[in-house]
Protein backbone atom coordinates (compact mmCIF):
# COMPACT_ATOMS: atom_id res chain seq x y z
CA UNK A 1 -38.02 61.82 37.90
CA UNK A 2 -37.20 65.50 38.29
CA UNK A 3 -34.68 65.99 41.22
CA UNK A 4 -36.49 67.26 43.58
CA UNK A 5 -38.28 64.00 43.84
CA UNK A 6 -38.55 62.13 47.04
CA UNK A 7 -40.14 58.24 46.79
CA UNK A 8 -42.42 56.56 48.83
CA UNK A 9 -41.87 53.12 49.12
CA UNK A 10 -43.74 51.46 47.21
CA UNK A 11 -42.34 52.82 44.48
CA UNK A 12 -38.57 52.66 45.67
CA UNK A 13 -39.43 49.25 46.44
CA UNK A 14 -40.55 48.52 42.66
CA UNK A 15 -37.49 50.83 41.65
CA UNK A 16 -35.35 48.45 43.24
CA UNK A 17 -37.17 45.44 42.75
CA UNK A 18 -35.81 44.61 46.61
CA UNK A 19 -38.35 43.83 49.39
CA UNK A 20 -39.72 45.71 52.18
CA UNK A 21 -37.28 43.64 54.91
CA UNK A 22 -34.36 43.55 52.11
CA UNK A 23 -34.13 47.66 52.17
CA UNK A 24 -34.17 47.97 55.98
CA UNK A 25 -31.84 44.96 55.92
CA UNK A 26 -29.34 47.31 54.34
CA UNK A 27 -30.01 50.58 55.70
CA UNK A 28 -29.19 48.83 58.13
CA UNK A 29 -25.66 48.01 57.33
CA UNK A 30 -25.40 50.85 55.12
CA UNK A 31 -25.63 49.25 51.94
CA UNK A 32 -28.98 51.83 51.13
CA UNK A 33 -29.97 55.02 51.81
CA UNK A 34 -32.25 56.10 55.34
CA UNK A 35 -35.08 57.80 54.42
CA UNK A 36 -35.84 61.41 54.53
CA UNK A 37 -37.90 62.18 56.43
CA UNK A 38 -41.50 63.60 55.08
CA UNK A 39 -43.36 63.88 58.24
CA UNK A 40 -44.72 63.18 60.87
CA UNK A 41 -45.18 60.01 59.46
CA UNK A 42 -44.25 59.72 56.51
CA UNK A 43 -40.48 59.01 54.40
CA UNK A 44 -38.88 59.21 50.80
CA UNK A 45 -36.09 58.56 49.72
CA UNK A 46 -34.84 61.11 47.07
CA UNK A 47 -35.22 59.52 43.87
CA UNK A 48 -32.53 61.13 41.73
CA UNK A 49 -30.32 59.17 45.07
CA UNK A 50 -33.01 55.48 44.36
CA UNK A 51 -31.38 56.12 40.37
CA UNK A 52 -27.66 56.20 41.02
CA UNK A 53 -27.68 53.39 43.67
CA UNK A 54 -29.77 51.67 40.74
CA UNK A 55 -27.36 52.76 38.20
CA UNK A 56 -23.79 51.55 40.82
CA UNK A 57 -25.66 48.03 41.23
CA UNK A 58 -26.22 47.43 36.75
CA UNK A 59 -22.62 48.71 36.86
CA UNK A 60 -21.44 45.66 38.96
CA UNK A 61 -19.72 47.70 42.09
CA UNK A 62 -18.44 45.46 44.94
CA UNK A 63 -20.86 46.23 49.13
CA UNK A 64 -17.19 48.72 49.83
CA UNK A 65 -17.68 50.97 47.25
CA UNK A 66 -21.71 51.10 47.61
CA UNK A 67 -21.27 51.79 50.95
CA UNK A 68 -18.95 54.39 50.18
CA UNK A 69 -21.66 55.95 47.19
CA UNK A 70 -24.33 55.38 50.30
CA UNK A 71 -21.89 57.49 52.62
CA UNK A 72 -21.42 60.48 50.25
CA UNK A 73 -25.29 60.59 49.85
CA UNK A 74 -25.38 61.11 53.61
CA UNK A 75 -23.03 63.74 53.10
CA UNK A 76 -24.14 65.63 49.66
CA UNK A 77 -27.22 65.88 51.91
CA UNK A 78 -26.43 67.92 54.71
CA UNK A 79 -23.83 69.90 52.43
CA UNK A 80 -26.31 71.55 51.06
CA UNK A 81 -28.79 72.08 53.45
CA UNK A 82 -26.06 76.06 52.78
CA UNK A 83 -27.78 77.76 49.57
CA UNK A 84 -26.02 81.11 50.32
CA UNK A 85 -22.66 79.20 50.87
CA UNK A 86 -22.80 76.84 47.56
CA UNK A 87 -23.52 79.69 45.81
CA UNK A 88 -20.39 82.21 46.86
CA UNK A 89 -18.72 78.28 46.38
CA UNK A 90 -19.98 77.93 42.97
CA UNK A 91 -19.76 82.10 42.06
CA UNK A 92 -15.88 82.26 43.55
CA UNK A 93 -14.10 84.39 40.47
CA UNK A 94 -17.51 85.68 38.79
CA UNK A 95 -17.93 89.02 40.58
CA UNK A 96 -19.34 89.64 36.39
CA UNK A 97 -22.52 86.68 37.15
CA UNK A 98 -25.08 86.64 39.29
CA UNK A 99 -24.93 83.49 41.84
CA UNK A 100 -26.75 80.04 40.73
CA UNK A 101 -28.54 78.07 42.62
CA UNK A 102 -27.86 74.00 41.99
CA UNK A 103 -28.92 72.15 45.28
CA UNK A 104 -28.44 68.99 43.14
CA UNK A 105 -25.28 69.13 41.94
CA UNK A 106 -23.29 67.02 44.03
CA UNK A 107 -26.35 64.11 44.07
CA UNK A 108 -26.19 64.91 40.13
CA UNK A 109 -22.09 64.13 40.11
CA UNK A 110 -23.10 61.03 42.10
CA UNK A 111 -25.41 59.57 39.70
CA UNK A 112 -22.44 60.42 36.60
CA UNK A 113 -19.42 59.19 38.54
CA UNK A 114 -21.69 55.52 38.97
CA UNK A 115 -22.57 55.68 34.81
CA UNK A 116 -25.91 56.38 35.37
CA UNK A 117 -27.81 60.12 33.20
CA UNK A 118 -28.11 63.52 35.45
CA UNK A 119 -31.39 64.37 34.54
């Protein structure tokens, strides 16, 4: 999947092997990322977040480590809103090069951090 892919509930259920009620409970406990709104009655999860969460579980991370990962995912969502700020940070000290648009760099770093593969 590409980093911009949004997974709806059926694919999250299939991809994690969890039940609907377990996902809701883990969201409440801070062990699963909150969904993003896709419209008035639709939600989904960024595929890269689900992949990172699965990689962390496979790597045997503790619940406390998973909570920290989920918190960083939520923070990354908020900080990725400003493309201009991201470009400025990436091009600091590089006046000879054009800005690079990499809105999912932090999420890819999360995957690498937990042992996943960032595509």
